[in-house]
């Protein structure tokens, strides 16, 4: 078995044999230990950096992401408000006339045609307010179921001509209670033209007729 030969190199200048330096195993161990220590230190540093970093990657990206520019909102004018309509005052109206005023106005509107004027032109005076005065010569009352009592009066004027006066007993106010024969009256009402009737003896007579609205006592 061959013995271990010395290792080395010859120096060409001197021709001397330079033996190779022996490698010490201790130095190799130290180097390995140092490398392992560096690896351990590197891993510890990496772990420390990971612990200090935020848990969620989305948070980091949110912090580092640039903010989006705000969109310009177009300015709009405020809505126009309609001005309130001016208050309109109701026109002032006069109070309704009283019954006394209505009576006075009606009496003032009446005309006093003569017996002959109505007999000649009865249609001309129909529905027109007229007045007549005289003495009551006859009274006839007729009671109806729906209209009540109608009073028919024959009135003789100062010329001796007879007029027929008709009124509803409950609608016309008389000056002294019930009208009696011999009373002198002045009546105001709407002319109805002429009316014909028969006397007790059966004679037909045509006379001016008036639908009475108001009645007063006439002077003797």
N, C-alpha and C. Protein backbone atom coordinates (compact mmCIF):
# COMPACT_ATOMS: atom_id res chain seq x y z
N UNK A 1 0.87 -1.18 0.00
CA UNK A 1 0.00 0.00 0.00
C UNK A 1 0.89 1.19 0.00
N UNK A 2 0.54 2.19 -0.84
CA UNK A 2 1.41 3.36 -0.98
C UNK A 2 1.22 4.27 0.18
N UNK A 3 2.27 4.82 0.60
CA UNK A 3 2.23 5.78 1.70
C UNK A 3 1.76 7.10 1.18
N UNK A 4 1.27 7.91 2.12
CA UNK A 4 0.79 9.25 1.75
C UNK A 4 1.96 10.06 1.24
N UNK A 5 1.81 10.56 0.03
CA UNK A 5 2.85 11.40 -0.56
C UNK A 5 2.60 12.83 -0.17
N UNK A 6 3.70 13.53 0.08
CA UNK A 6 3.52 14.95 0.43
C UNK A 6 3.05 15.68 -0.79
N UNK A 7 2.18 16.65 -0.56
CA UNK A 7 1.65 17.47 -1.64
C UNK A 7 2.25 18.83 -1.57
N UNK A 8 2.38 19.40 -2.76
CA UNK A 8 2.96 20.74 -2.82
C UNK A 8 3.30 21.09 -4.24
N UNK A 9 4.08 22.14 -4.38
CA UNK A 9 4.48 22.62 -5.72
C UNK A 9 5.95 22.95 -5.67
N UNK A 10 6.61 22.86 -6.84
CA UNK A 10 8.02 23.25 -6.98
C UNK A 10 8.09 24.67 -7.48
N UNK A 11 8.96 25.40 -6.86
CA UNK A 11 9.19 26.77 -7.30
C UNK A 11 10.17 26.72 -8.42
N UNK A 12 9.84 27.13 -9.67
CA UNK A 12 10.75 27.03 -10.79
C UNK A 12 11.98 27.89 -10.65
N UNK A 13 11.91 28.96 -9.89
CA UNK A 13 13.05 29.83 -9.76
C UNK A 13 14.09 29.23 -8.80
N UNK A 14 13.58 28.70 -7.70
CA UNK A 14 14.51 28.19 -6.70
C UNK A 14 14.69 26.70 -6.82
N UNK A 15 13.73 26.03 -7.49
CA UNK A 15 13.76 24.57 -7.58
C UNK A 15 13.43 23.90 -6.29
N UNK A 16 12.95 24.68 -5.36
CA UNK A 16 12.61 24.10 -4.06
C UNK A 16 11.19 23.59 -4.09
N UNK A 17 10.94 22.61 -3.36
CA UNK A 17 9.62 22.01 -3.23
C UNK A 17 8.91 22.71 -2.11
N UNK A 18 7.76 23.28 -2.47
CA UNK A 18 6.98 24.02 -1.44
C UNK A 18 5.80 23.14 -1.09
N UNK A 19 5.84 22.62 0.09
CA UNK A 19 4.73 21.75 0.47
C UNK A 19 3.42 22.54 0.61
N UNK A 20 2.27 21.90 0.26
CA UNK A 20 0.95 22.58 0.38
C UNK A 20 0.54 22.69 1.81
N UNK A 21 -0.09 23.85 2.07
CA UNK A 21 -0.53 24.09 3.44
C UNK A 21 -1.76 23.21 3.71
N UNK A 22 -1.71 22.67 4.87
CA UNK A 22 -2.81 21.80 5.29
C UNK A 22 -4.04 22.63 5.67
N UNK A 23 -5.17 22.16 5.23
CA UNK A 23 -6.44 22.84 5.58
C UNK A 23 -6.89 22.35 6.93
N UNK A 24 -7.20 23.31 7.73
CA UNK A 24 -7.66 22.99 9.08
C UNK A 24 -9.18 22.84 9.08
N UNK A 25 -9.71 21.72 9.54
CA UNK A 25 -11.17 21.53 9.59
C UNK A 25 -11.87 22.50 10.49
N UNK A 26 -11.19 23.09 11.45
CA UNK A 26 -11.83 24.04 12.37
C UNK A 26 -12.27 25.28 11.62
N UNK A 27 -11.41 25.71 10.69
CA UNK A 27 -11.76 26.93 9.93
C UNK A 27 -13.02 26.70 9.10
N UNK A 28 -13.18 25.55 8.52
CA UNK A 28 -14.38 25.25 7.70
C UNK A 28 -15.62 25.29 8.56
N UNK A 29 -15.54 24.78 9.76
CA UNK A 29 -16.69 24.77 10.67
C UNK A 29 -17.11 26.18 11.01
N UNK A 30 -16.11 27.05 11.26
CA UNK A 30 -16.43 28.44 11.61
C UNK A 30 -17.14 29.13 10.46
N UNK A 31 -16.64 28.82 9.25
CA UNK A 31 -17.27 29.47 8.09
C UNK A 31 -18.73 29.03 7.95
N UNK A 32 -18.96 27.73 8.13
CA UNK A 32 -20.34 27.23 8.02
C UNK A 32 -21.23 27.86 9.07
N UNK A 33 -20.72 27.94 10.29
CA UNK A 33 -21.51 28.53 11.37
C UNK A 33 -21.86 29.98 11.06
N UNK A 34 -20.84 30.71 10.50
CA UNK A 34 -21.09 32.11 10.18
C UNK A 34 -22.16 32.27 9.11
N UNK A 35 -22.09 31.37 8.12
CA UNK A 35 -23.12 31.46 7.06
C UNK A 35 -24.50 31.19 7.63
N UNK A 36 -24.63 30.18 8.47
CA UNK A 36 -25.93 29.88 9.07
C UNK A 36 -26.45 31.03 9.93
N UNK A 37 -25.47 31.65 10.64
CA UNK A 37 -25.87 32.79 11.48
C UNK A 37 -26.41 33.92 10.63
N UNK A 38 -25.75 34.17 9.48
CA UNK A 38 -26.23 35.26 8.59
C UNK A 38 -27.63 34.94 8.06
N UNK A 39 -27.81 33.64 7.71
CA UNK A 39 -29.15 33.26 7.21
C UNK A 39 -30.21 33.47 8.27
N UNK A 40 -29.91 33.11 9.50
CA UNK A 40 -30.87 33.26 10.60
C UNK A 40 -31.21 34.72 10.83
N UNK A 41 -30.11 35.56 10.81
CA UNK A 41 -30.34 37.00 11.03
C UNK A 41 -31.21 37.58 9.93
N UNK A 42 -30.94 37.13 8.69
CA UNK A 42 -31.72 37.64 7.56
C UNK A 42 -33.20 37.27 7.69
N UNK A 43 -33.44 35.99 8.15
CA UNK A 43 -34.84 35.58 8.30
C UNK A 43 -35.54 36.34 9.42
N UNK A 44 -34.83 36.60 10.51
CA UNK A 44 -35.43 37.36 11.61
C UNK A 44 -35.80 38.77 11.17
N UNK A 45 -34.89 39.37 10.40
CA UNK A 45 -35.17 40.74 9.92
C UNK A 45 -36.39 40.75 9.01
N UNK A 46 -36.50 39.73 8.16
CA UNK A 46 -37.66 39.67 7.24
C UNK A 46 -38.97 39.48 8.01
N UNK A 47 -38.91 38.61 9.08
CA UNK A 47 -40.11 38.40 9.89
C UNK A 47 -40.52 39.67 10.60
N UNK A 48 -39.51 40.44 11.11
CA UNK A 48 -39.82 41.69 11.80
C UNK A 48 -40.47 42.68 10.85
N UNK A 49 -39.97 42.71 9.60
CA UNK A 49 -40.57 43.65 8.62
C UNK A 49 -42.01 43.24 8.28
N UNK A 50 -42.23 41.91 8.21
CA UNK A 50 -43.59 41.45 7.90
C UNK A 50 -44.57 41.80 9.00
N UNK A 51 -44.11 41.69 10.28
CA UNK A 51 -44.98 42.01 11.40
C UNK A 51 -45.34 43.49 11.44
N UNK A 52 -44.37 44.34 11.07
CA UNK A 52 -44.63 45.78 11.11
C UNK A 52 -45.48 46.24 9.94
N UNK A 53 -45.60 45.45 8.89
CA UNK A 53 -46.39 45.84 7.71
C UNK A 53 -47.87 45.67 8.02
N UNK A 54 -48.86 46.43 7.37
CA UNK A 54 -50.30 46.26 7.61
C UNK A 54 -50.76 44.88 7.21
N UNK A 55 -51.79 44.38 7.97
CA UNK A 55 -52.29 43.03 7.72
C UNK A 55 -52.90 42.89 6.35
N UNK A 56 -53.70 43.90 5.90
CA UNK A 56 -54.44 43.76 4.65
C UNK A 56 -53.72 44.47 3.54
N UNK A 57 -53.46 43.77 2.46
CA UNK A 57 -52.82 44.45 1.34
C UNK A 57 -53.72 45.50 0.74
N UNK A 58 -55.07 45.33 0.93
CA UNK A 58 -55.98 46.32 0.35
C UNK A 58 -55.81 47.66 1.03
N UNK A 59 -55.50 47.61 2.39
CA UNK A 59 -55.31 48.86 3.11
C UNK A 59 -54.11 49.62 2.58
N UNK A 60 -53.03 48.86 2.36
CA UNK A 60 -51.82 49.51 1.85
C UNK A 60 -52.07 50.13 0.49
N UNK A 61 -52.80 49.36 -0.35
CA UNK A 61 -53.06 49.90 -1.68
C UNK A 61 -53.99 51.09 -1.59
N UNK A 62 -54.91 51.04 -0.59
CA UNK A 62 -55.82 52.18 -0.45
C UNK A 62 -55.07 53.40 0.01
N UNK A 63 -54.04 53.19 0.93
CA UNK A 63 -53.29 54.35 1.41
C UNK A 63 -52.39 54.92 0.34
N UNK A 64 -51.87 54.04 -0.46
CA UNK A 64 -50.92 54.52 -1.45
C UNK A 64 -51.57 54.93 -2.75
N UNK A 65 -52.86 54.50 -2.96
CA UNK A 65 -53.51 54.84 -4.23
C UNK A 65 -53.78 56.33 -4.28
N UNK A 66 -53.55 56.94 -5.39
CA UNK A 66 -53.82 58.39 -5.50
C UNK A 66 -55.31 58.67 -5.43
N UNK A 67 -55.65 59.76 -4.79
CA UNK A 67 -57.05 60.13 -4.66
C UNK A 67 -57.62 60.54 -6.01
N UNK A 68 -58.85 60.08 -6.27
CA UNK A 68 -59.49 60.44 -7.52
C UNK A 68 -59.93 61.90 -7.48
N UNK A 69 -59.76 62.58 -8.54
CA UNK A 69 -60.18 64.00 -8.55
C UNK A 69 -61.69 64.10 -8.46
N UNK A 70 -62.17 65.08 -7.69
CA UNK A 70 -63.61 65.28 -7.54
C UNK A 70 -64.20 65.80 -8.83
N UNK A 71 -65.35 65.21 -9.19
CA UNK A 71 -66.02 65.66 -10.42
C UNK A 71 -66.65 67.02 -10.19
N UNK A 72 -66.53 67.86 -11.17
CA UNK A 72 -67.12 69.20 -11.07
C UNK A 72 -68.63 69.11 -11.20
N UNK A 73 -69.33 69.58 -10.18
CA UNK A 73 -70.79 69.59 -10.20
C UNK A 73 -71.24 70.90 -10.80
N UNK A 74 -72.02 70.84 -11.88
CA UNK A 74 -72.44 72.12 -12.49
C UNK A 74 -73.33 72.89 -11.55
N UNK A 75 -73.09 74.17 -11.47
CA UNK A 75 -73.89 75.02 -10.60
C UNK A 75 -75.26 75.26 -11.25
N UNK A 76 -76.30 75.09 -10.47
CA UNK A 76 -77.66 75.32 -10.97
C UNK A 76 -78.29 76.46 -10.19
N UNK A 77 -79.06 77.25 -10.90
CA UNK A 77 -79.75 78.36 -10.25
C UNK A 77 -80.89 77.81 -9.40
N UNK A 78 -81.16 78.42 -8.27
CA UNK A 78 -82.27 77.96 -7.43
C UNK A 78 -83.58 78.11 -8.19
N UNK A 79 -84.52 77.20 -7.97
CA UNK A 79 -85.80 77.29 -8.69
C UNK A 79 -86.52 78.59 -8.37
N UNK A 80 -87.10 79.15 -9.41
CA UNK A 80 -87.81 80.39 -9.23
C UNK A 80 -89.13 80.12 -8.49
N UNK A 81 -89.38 80.92 -7.50
CA UNK A 81 -90.62 80.79 -6.74
C UNK A 81 -91.59 81.84 -7.23
N UNK A 82 -92.82 81.37 -7.47
CA UNK A 82 -93.82 82.30 -7.96
C UNK A 82 -94.23 83.25 -6.84
N UNK A 83 -94.37 84.48 -7.21
CA UNK A 83 -94.80 85.46 -6.24
C UNK A 83 -96.25 85.19 -5.85
N UNK A 84 -96.59 85.31 -4.58
CA UNK A 84 -97.98 85.05 -4.17
C UNK A 84 -98.93 86.01 -4.86
N UNK A 85 -100.05 85.44 -5.27
CA UNK A 85 -101.04 86.26 -5.96
C UNK A 85 -101.59 87.29 -5.00
N UNK A 86 -101.81 88.48 -5.47
CA UNK A 86 -102.35 89.51 -4.58
C UNK A 86 -103.74 89.14 -4.10
N UNK A 87 -103.99 89.45 -2.88
CA UNK A 87 -105.30 89.13 -2.31
C UNK A 87 -106.37 90.00 -2.98
N UNK A 88 -107.41 89.33 -3.38
CA UNK A 88 -108.51 90.05 -4.00
C UNK A 88 -109.64 90.17 -2.99
N UNK A 89 -110.03 91.36 -2.75
CA UNK A 89 -111.10 91.60 -1.80
C UNK A 89 -112.44 91.45 -2.52
N UNK A 90 -113.32 90.79 -1.85
CA UNK A 90 -114.66 90.64 -2.42
C UNK A 90 -115.32 92.00 -2.49
N UNK A 91 -115.99 92.27 -3.59
CA UNK A 91 -116.64 93.58 -3.69
C UNK A 91 -117.67 93.76 -2.60
N UNK A 92 -117.68 94.92 -2.07
CA UNK A 92 -118.63 95.22 -1.01
C UNK A 92 -120.03 95.27 -1.59
N UNK A 93 -120.91 94.57 -0.95
CA UNK A 93 -122.31 94.55 -1.41
C UNK A 93 -123.18 95.17 -0.34
N UNK A 94 -124.21 95.82 -0.81
CA UNK A 94 -125.15 96.42 0.12
C UNK A 94 -125.97 95.33 0.80
N UNK A 95 -126.35 95.54 2.02
CA UNK A 95 -127.18 94.54 2.71
C UNK A 95 -128.52 94.41 1.99
N UNK A 96 -129.11 93.23 2.07
CA UNK A 96 -130.40 93.04 1.41
C UNK A 96 -131.44 94.00 1.98
N UNK A 97 -132.37 94.43 1.14
CA UNK A 97 -133.37 95.39 1.62
C UNK A 97 -134.30 94.75 2.65
N UNK A 98 -134.77 95.55 3.54
CA UNK A 98 -135.71 95.08 4.55
C UNK A 98 -137.12 95.00 3.95
N UNK A 99 -138.02 94.27 4.59
CA UNK A 99 -139.41 94.21 4.08
C UNK A 99 -140.04 95.60 3.96
N UNK A 100 -139.71 96.49 4.88
CA UNK A 100 -140.27 97.85 4.80
C UNK A 100 -139.75 98.57 3.56
N UNK A 101 -138.45 98.36 3.24
CA UNK A 101 -137.89 99.00 2.06
C UNK A 101 -138.50 98.42 0.78
N UNK A 102 -138.71 97.10 0.76
CA UNK A 102 -139.33 96.48 -0.41
C UNK A 102 -140.74 97.03 -0.60
N UNK A 103 -141.47 97.15 0.49
CA UNK A 103 -142.85 97.68 0.42
C UNK A 103 -142.85 99.10 -0.11
N UNK A 104 -141.96 99.93 0.44
CA UNK A 104 -141.93 101.33 0.01
C UNK A 104 -141.55 101.45 -1.45
N UNK A 105 -140.57 100.64 -1.90
CA UNK A 105 -140.14 100.71 -3.31
C UNK A 105 -141.28 100.27 -4.24
N UNK A 106 -142.01 99.25 -3.82
CA UNK A 106 -143.09 98.77 -4.68
C UNK A 106 -144.21 99.81 -4.77
N UNK A 107 -144.60 100.36 -3.65
CA UNK A 107 -145.67 101.36 -3.66
C UNK A 107 -145.28 102.56 -4.51
N UNK A 108 -143.98 102.93 -4.43
CA UNK A 108 -143.53 104.07 -5.23
C UNK A 108 -143.56 103.78 -6.73
N UNK A 109 -143.49 102.49 -7.11
CA UNK A 109 -143.48 102.14 -8.53
C UNK A 109 -144.88 102.04 -9.14
N UNK A 110 -145.91 102.09 -8.32
CA UNK A 110 -147.28 101.91 -8.81
C UNK A 110 -147.80 103.17 -9.51
N UNK A 111 -148.54 102.95 -10.57
CA UNK A 111 -149.23 104.05 -11.26
C UNK A 111 -150.73 103.97 -10.92
N UNK A 112 -151.46 105.03 -11.26
CA UNK A 112 -152.89 105.08 -10.93
C UNK A 112 -153.71 105.28 -12.20
N UNK A 113 -153.79 104.24 -13.03
CA UNK A 113 -154.62 104.38 -14.23
C UNK A 113 -156.11 104.45 -13.87
N UNK A 114 -156.86 105.05 -14.72
CA UNK A 114 -158.30 105.15 -14.46
C UNK A 114 -158.99 103.86 -14.89
N UNK A 115 -160.24 103.74 -14.43
CA UNK A 115 -161.07 102.58 -14.80
C UNK A 115 -161.17 102.49 -16.31
N UNK A 116 -161.43 103.58 -16.95
CA UNK A 116 -161.61 103.59 -18.40
C UNK A 116 -160.34 103.20 -19.13
N UNK A 117 -159.16 103.63 -18.64
CA UNK A 117 -157.89 103.31 -19.32
C UNK A 117 -157.64 101.80 -19.32
N UNK A 118 -157.92 101.15 -18.21
CA UNK A 118 -157.70 99.70 -18.15
C UNK A 118 -158.74 98.97 -19.00
N UNK A 119 -159.96 99.41 -18.97
CA UNK A 119 -161.00 98.75 -19.76
C UNK A 119 -160.71 98.87 -21.25
N UNK A 120 -160.12 99.96 -21.69
CA UNK A 120 -159.81 100.15 -23.10
C UNK A 120 -158.58 99.33 -23.52
N UNK A 121 -157.55 99.28 -22.70
CA UNK A 121 -156.29 98.60 -23.07
C UNK A 121 -155.86 97.67 -21.92
N UNK A 122 -156.59 96.63 -21.65
CA UNK A 122 -156.26 95.76 -20.51
C UNK A 122 -154.91 95.05 -20.64
N UNK A 123 -154.57 94.63 -21.87
CA UNK A 123 -153.30 93.92 -22.05
C UNK A 123 -152.10 94.83 -21.81
N UNK A 124 -152.29 96.11 -22.03
CA UNK A 124 -151.18 97.05 -21.84
C UNK A 124 -150.81 97.19 -20.37
N UNK A 125 -151.77 96.94 -19.48
CA UNK A 125 -151.52 97.12 -18.05
C UNK A 125 -151.27 95.80 -17.32
N UNK A 126 -151.37 94.68 -18.04
CA UNK A 126 -151.14 93.40 -17.37
C UNK A 126 -149.74 93.33 -16.78
N UNK A 127 -149.67 92.83 -15.55
CA UNK A 127 -148.42 92.62 -14.81
C UNK A 127 -147.69 93.91 -14.45
N UNK A 128 -148.39 95.03 -14.57
CA UNK A 128 -147.80 96.30 -14.16
C UNK A 128 -148.35 96.72 -12.80
N UNK A 129 -147.50 97.29 -11.93
CA UNK A 129 -147.99 97.71 -10.61
C UNK A 129 -148.90 98.94 -10.71
N UNK A 130 -150.07 98.79 -10.10
CA UNK A 130 -151.05 99.88 -10.14
C UNK A 130 -151.62 100.08 -8.74
N UNK A 131 -152.36 101.17 -8.57
CA UNK A 131 -153.03 101.44 -7.29
C UNK A 131 -154.45 101.92 -7.57
N UNK A 132 -155.32 101.62 -6.61
CA UNK A 132 -156.73 102.04 -6.72
C UNK A 132 -157.27 102.28 -5.32
N UNK A 133 -158.24 103.18 -5.20
CA UNK A 133 -158.84 103.51 -3.91
C UNK A 133 -160.36 103.52 -4.05
N UNK A 134 -161.04 103.21 -2.93
CA UNK A 134 -162.51 103.24 -2.94
C UNK A 134 -163.10 102.55 -1.74
N UNK A 135 -164.40 102.25 -1.84
CA UNK A 135 -165.15 101.64 -0.73
C UNK A 135 -165.49 100.20 -1.07
N UNK A 136 -165.35 99.36 -0.06
CA UNK A 136 -165.65 97.95 -0.22
C UNK A 136 -167.17 97.78 -0.26
N UNK A 137 -167.66 97.15 -1.37
CA UNK A 137 -169.11 96.96 -1.51
C UNK A 137 -169.49 95.49 -1.41
N UNK A 138 -168.51 94.58 -1.58
CA UNK A 138 -168.83 93.15 -1.47
C UNK A 138 -167.56 92.37 -1.18
N UNK A 139 -167.69 91.32 -0.38
CA UNK A 139 -166.56 90.45 -0.03
C UNK A 139 -166.99 89.01 -0.23
N UNK A 140 -166.16 88.23 -0.95
CA UNK A 140 -166.41 86.80 -1.14
C UNK A 140 -165.12 86.05 -0.85
N UNK A 141 -165.20 85.11 0.07
CA UNK A 141 -164.01 84.31 0.43
C UNK A 141 -164.15 82.89 -0.12
N UNK A 142 -163.04 82.36 -0.65
CA UNK A 142 -163.01 81.00 -1.17
C UNK A 142 -161.82 80.28 -0.54
N UNK A 143 -162.08 79.14 0.08
CA UNK A 143 -161.02 78.38 0.74
C UNK A 143 -160.60 77.21 -0.14
N UNK A 144 -159.30 77.10 -0.35
CA UNK A 144 -158.74 76.03 -1.18
C UNK A 144 -157.80 75.19 -0.32
N UNK A 145 -157.68 73.92 -0.67
CA UNK A 145 -156.91 72.98 0.14
C UNK A 145 -155.44 73.34 0.19
N UNK A 146 -154.87 73.72 -0.94
CA UNK A 146 -153.42 73.94 -1.00
C UNK A 146 -153.04 75.42 -0.91
N UNK A 147 -153.89 76.31 -1.38
CA UNK A 147 -153.53 77.74 -1.42
C UNK A 147 -154.12 78.54 -0.27
N UNK A 148 -154.98 77.95 0.50
CA UNK A 148 -155.56 78.67 1.61
C UNK A 148 -156.80 79.47 1.18
N UNK A 149 -157.06 80.55 1.88
CA UNK A 149 -158.27 81.35 1.64
C UNK A 149 -157.96 82.51 0.70
N UNK A 150 -158.74 82.58 -0.38
CA UNK A 150 -158.63 83.69 -1.34
C UNK A 150 -159.81 84.63 -1.10
N UNK A 151 -159.50 85.92 -1.02
CA UNK A 151 -160.54 86.92 -0.77
C UNK A 151 -160.76 87.72 -2.06
N UNK A 152 -162.02 87.83 -2.46
CA UNK A 152 -162.41 88.63 -3.62
C UNK A 152 -163.22 89.83 -3.11
N UNK A 153 -162.74 91.02 -3.43
CA UNK A 153 -163.40 92.25 -2.98
C UNK A 153 -163.86 93.05 -4.20
N UNK A 154 -165.11 93.52 -4.12
CA UNK A 154 -165.59 94.48 -5.10
C UNK A 154 -165.42 95.86 -4.50
N UNK A 155 -164.57 96.65 -5.16
CA UNK A 155 -164.25 97.98 -4.66
C UNK A 155 -164.85 99.03 -5.61
N UNK A 156 -165.61 99.93 -5.06
CA UNK A 156 -166.21 101.02 -5.86
C UNK A 156 -165.41 102.28 -5.66
N UNK A 157 -164.85 102.80 -6.78
CA UNK A 157 -164.03 104.02 -6.66
C UNK A 157 -164.91 105.26 -6.54
N UNK A 158 -164.29 106.41 -6.47
CA UNK A 158 -165.03 107.65 -6.25
C UNK A 158 -165.91 108.02 -7.46
N UNK A 159 -165.68 107.39 -8.61
CA UNK A 159 -166.50 107.65 -9.81
C UNK A 159 -167.65 106.66 -9.93
N UNK A 160 -167.77 105.74 -8.98
CA UNK A 160 -168.85 104.77 -9.00
C UNK A 160 -168.51 103.54 -9.84
N UNK A 161 -167.29 103.41 -10.32
CA UNK A 161 -166.88 102.24 -11.09
C UNK A 161 -166.35 101.16 -10.14
N UNK A 162 -166.60 99.89 -10.51
CA UNK A 162 -166.24 98.77 -9.64
C UNK A 162 -164.96 98.11 -10.15
N UNK A 163 -164.08 97.78 -9.17
CA UNK A 163 -162.83 97.05 -9.44
C UNK A 163 -162.91 95.73 -8.69
N UNK A 164 -162.25 94.70 -9.26
CA UNK A 164 -162.17 93.41 -8.58
C UNK A 164 -160.77 93.26 -8.00
N UNK A 165 -160.72 93.10 -6.67
CA UNK A 165 -159.45 92.93 -5.97
C UNK A 165 -159.35 91.50 -5.45
N UNK A 166 -158.21 90.87 -5.66
CA UNK A 166 -158.01 89.47 -5.25
C UNK A 166 -156.70 89.39 -4.46
N UNK A 167 -156.76 88.70 -3.31
CA UNK A 167 -155.53 88.50 -2.53
C UNK A 167 -155.67 87.27 -1.66
N UNK A 168 -154.51 86.73 -1.23
CA UNK A 168 -154.48 85.59 -0.32
C UNK A 168 -154.53 86.13 1.11
N UNK A 169 -155.45 85.60 1.87
CA UNK A 169 -155.69 86.16 3.20
C UNK A 169 -154.48 86.04 4.12
N UNK A 170 -153.67 84.96 3.94
CA UNK A 170 -152.52 84.77 4.82
C UNK A 170 -151.27 85.51 4.33
N UNK A 171 -151.32 86.06 3.10
CA UNK A 171 -150.12 86.69 2.54
C UNK A 171 -150.16 88.21 2.58
N UNK A 172 -151.35 88.80 2.69
CA UNK A 172 -151.48 90.26 2.64
C UNK A 172 -151.94 90.76 4.00
N UNK A 173 -151.21 91.76 4.48
CA UNK A 173 -151.54 92.36 5.78
C UNK A 173 -152.59 93.46 5.57
N UNK A 174 -153.68 93.33 6.27
CA UNK A 174 -154.75 94.33 6.17
C UNK A 174 -154.57 95.39 7.25
N UNK A 175 -155.08 96.60 7.03
CA UNK A 175 -154.83 97.68 8.00
C UNK A 175 -155.54 97.49 9.34
N UNK A 176 -156.75 96.88 9.35
CA UNK A 176 -157.51 96.77 10.59
C UNK A 176 -158.12 95.39 10.74
N UNK A 177 -157.30 94.36 10.64
CA UNK A 177 -157.84 93.02 10.76
C UNK A 177 -158.60 92.63 9.51
N UNK A 178 -159.69 91.90 9.69
CA UNK A 178 -160.49 91.47 8.55
C UNK A 178 -161.13 92.67 7.86
N UNK A 179 -161.18 92.59 6.54
CA UNK A 179 -161.81 93.66 5.76
C UNK A 179 -163.32 93.47 5.80
N UNK A 180 -164.03 94.58 6.01
CA UNK A 180 -165.49 94.53 6.08
C UNK A 180 -166.08 95.43 5.00
N UNK A 181 -167.34 95.15 4.69
CA UNK A 181 -168.03 96.02 3.73
C UNK A 181 -168.16 97.42 4.33
N UNK A 182 -167.94 98.39 3.51
CA UNK A 182 -167.99 99.78 3.97
C UNK A 182 -166.61 100.34 4.29
N UNK A 183 -165.56 99.46 4.41
CA UNK A 183 -164.20 99.97 4.65
C UNK A 183 -163.70 100.71 3.41
N UNK A 184 -162.97 101.76 3.68
CA UNK A 184 -162.33 102.48 2.58
C UNK A 184 -160.85 102.04 2.53
N UNK A 185 -160.42 101.61 1.36
CA UNK A 185 -159.07 101.05 1.20
C UNK A 185 -158.35 101.68 0.02
N UNK A 186 -157.03 101.68 0.15
CA UNK A 186 -156.15 101.95 -1.00
C UNK A 186 -155.30 100.70 -1.18
N UNK A 187 -155.33 100.14 -2.37
CA UNK A 187 -154.62 98.88 -2.63
C UNK A 187 -153.52 99.11 -3.65
N UNK A 188 -152.47 98.25 -3.54
CA UNK A 188 -151.33 98.28 -4.47
C UNK A 188 -151.07 96.85 -4.92
N UNK A 189 -151.00 96.63 -6.23
CA UNK A 189 -150.78 95.28 -6.72
C UNK A 189 -150.55 95.26 -8.22
N UNK A 190 -150.40 94.03 -8.75
CA UNK A 190 -150.16 93.86 -10.19
C UNK A 190 -151.50 93.76 -10.91
N UNK A 191 -151.66 94.58 -11.92
CA UNK A 191 -152.88 94.54 -12.71
C UNK A 191 -152.93 93.24 -13.50
N UNK A 192 -154.08 92.60 -13.51
CA UNK A 192 -154.26 91.36 -14.28
C UNK A 192 -155.17 91.59 -15.49
N UNK A 193 -155.32 92.84 -15.90
CA UNK A 193 -156.18 93.15 -17.04
C UNK A 193 -157.62 93.32 -16.59
N UNK A 194 -158.52 92.58 -17.20
CA UNK A 194 -159.93 92.62 -16.83
C UNK A 194 -160.40 91.21 -16.50
N UNK A 195 -161.44 91.15 -15.64
CA UNK A 195 -162.02 89.87 -15.23
C UNK A 195 -163.54 89.97 -15.34
N UNK A 196 -164.16 88.90 -15.80
CA UNK A 196 -165.62 88.86 -15.93
C UNK A 196 -166.20 87.94 -14.87
N UNK A 197 -167.34 88.33 -14.30
CA UNK A 197 -168.02 87.51 -13.30
C UNK A 197 -169.52 87.78 -13.41
N UNK A 198 -170.29 86.89 -12.80
CA UNK A 198 -171.74 87.03 -12.81
C UNK A 198 -172.23 87.54 -11.47
N UNK A 199 -173.18 88.44 -11.55
CA UNK A 199 -173.79 88.95 -10.33
C UNK A 199 -174.81 87.96 -9.80
N UNK A 200 -175.42 88.29 -8.66
CA UNK A 200 -176.43 87.41 -8.07
C UNK A 200 -177.62 87.23 -9.02
N UNK A 201 -177.90 88.25 -9.77
CA UNK A 201 -179.02 88.19 -10.70
C UNK A 201 -178.65 87.50 -11.99
N UNK A 202 -177.37 87.05 -12.12
CA UNK A 202 -176.95 86.32 -13.31
C UNK A 202 -176.42 87.21 -14.41
N UNK A 203 -176.22 88.47 -14.12
CA UNK A 203 -175.70 89.38 -15.13
C UNK A 203 -174.18 89.28 -15.15
N UNK A 204 -173.60 89.18 -16.33
CA UNK A 204 -172.13 89.10 -16.45
C UNK A 204 -171.56 90.51 -16.54
N UNK A 205 -170.55 90.73 -15.71
CA UNK A 205 -169.92 92.04 -15.66
C UNK A 205 -168.42 91.87 -15.85
N UNK A 206 -167.80 92.76 -16.63
CA UNK A 206 -166.34 92.77 -16.83
C UNK A 206 -165.80 94.03 -16.20
N UNK A 207 -164.76 93.84 -15.35
CA UNK A 207 -164.20 94.97 -14.60
C UNK A 207 -162.68 94.85 -14.58
N UNK A 208 -161.95 95.94 -14.27
CA UNK A 208 -160.50 95.83 -14.05
C UNK A 208 -160.23 94.98 -12.82
N UNK A 209 -159.16 94.21 -12.86
CA UNK A 209 -158.82 93.34 -11.73
C UNK A 209 -157.36 93.56 -11.32
N UNK A 210 -157.11 93.39 -10.01
CA UNK A 210 -155.78 93.64 -9.43
C UNK A 210 -155.46 92.53 -8.44
N UNK A 211 -154.24 91.96 -8.55
CA UNK A 211 -153.74 91.01 -7.57
C UNK A 211 -153.03 91.81 -6.49
N UNK A 212 -153.64 91.92 -5.33
CA UNK A 212 -153.19 92.85 -4.29
C UNK A 212 -151.96 92.31 -3.57
N UNK A 213 -151.00 93.23 -3.32
CA UNK A 213 -149.80 92.91 -2.54
C UNK A 213 -149.79 93.68 -1.22
N UNK A 214 -150.21 94.95 -1.27
CA UNK A 214 -150.21 95.77 -0.05
C UNK A 214 -151.53 96.51 -0.01
N UNK A 215 -151.91 96.85 1.24
CA UNK A 215 -153.22 97.49 1.45
C UNK A 215 -153.09 98.47 2.61
N UNK A 216 -153.68 99.64 2.42
CA UNK A 216 -153.71 100.64 3.50
C UNK A 216 -155.13 101.18 3.63
N UNK A 217 -155.37 101.83 4.73
CA UNK A 217 -156.69 102.45 4.95
C UNK A 217 -156.73 103.76 4.20
N UNK A 218 -157.79 103.95 3.41
CA UNK A 218 -157.94 105.18 2.63
C UNK A 218 -158.65 106.23 3.44
N UNK A 219 -158.39 107.48 3.09
CA UNK A 219 -159.05 108.60 3.78
C UNK A 219 -160.52 108.60 3.40
N UNK A 220 -161.40 109.00 4.34
CA UNK A 220 -162.85 109.03 4.04
C UNK A 220 -163.19 110.11 3.00
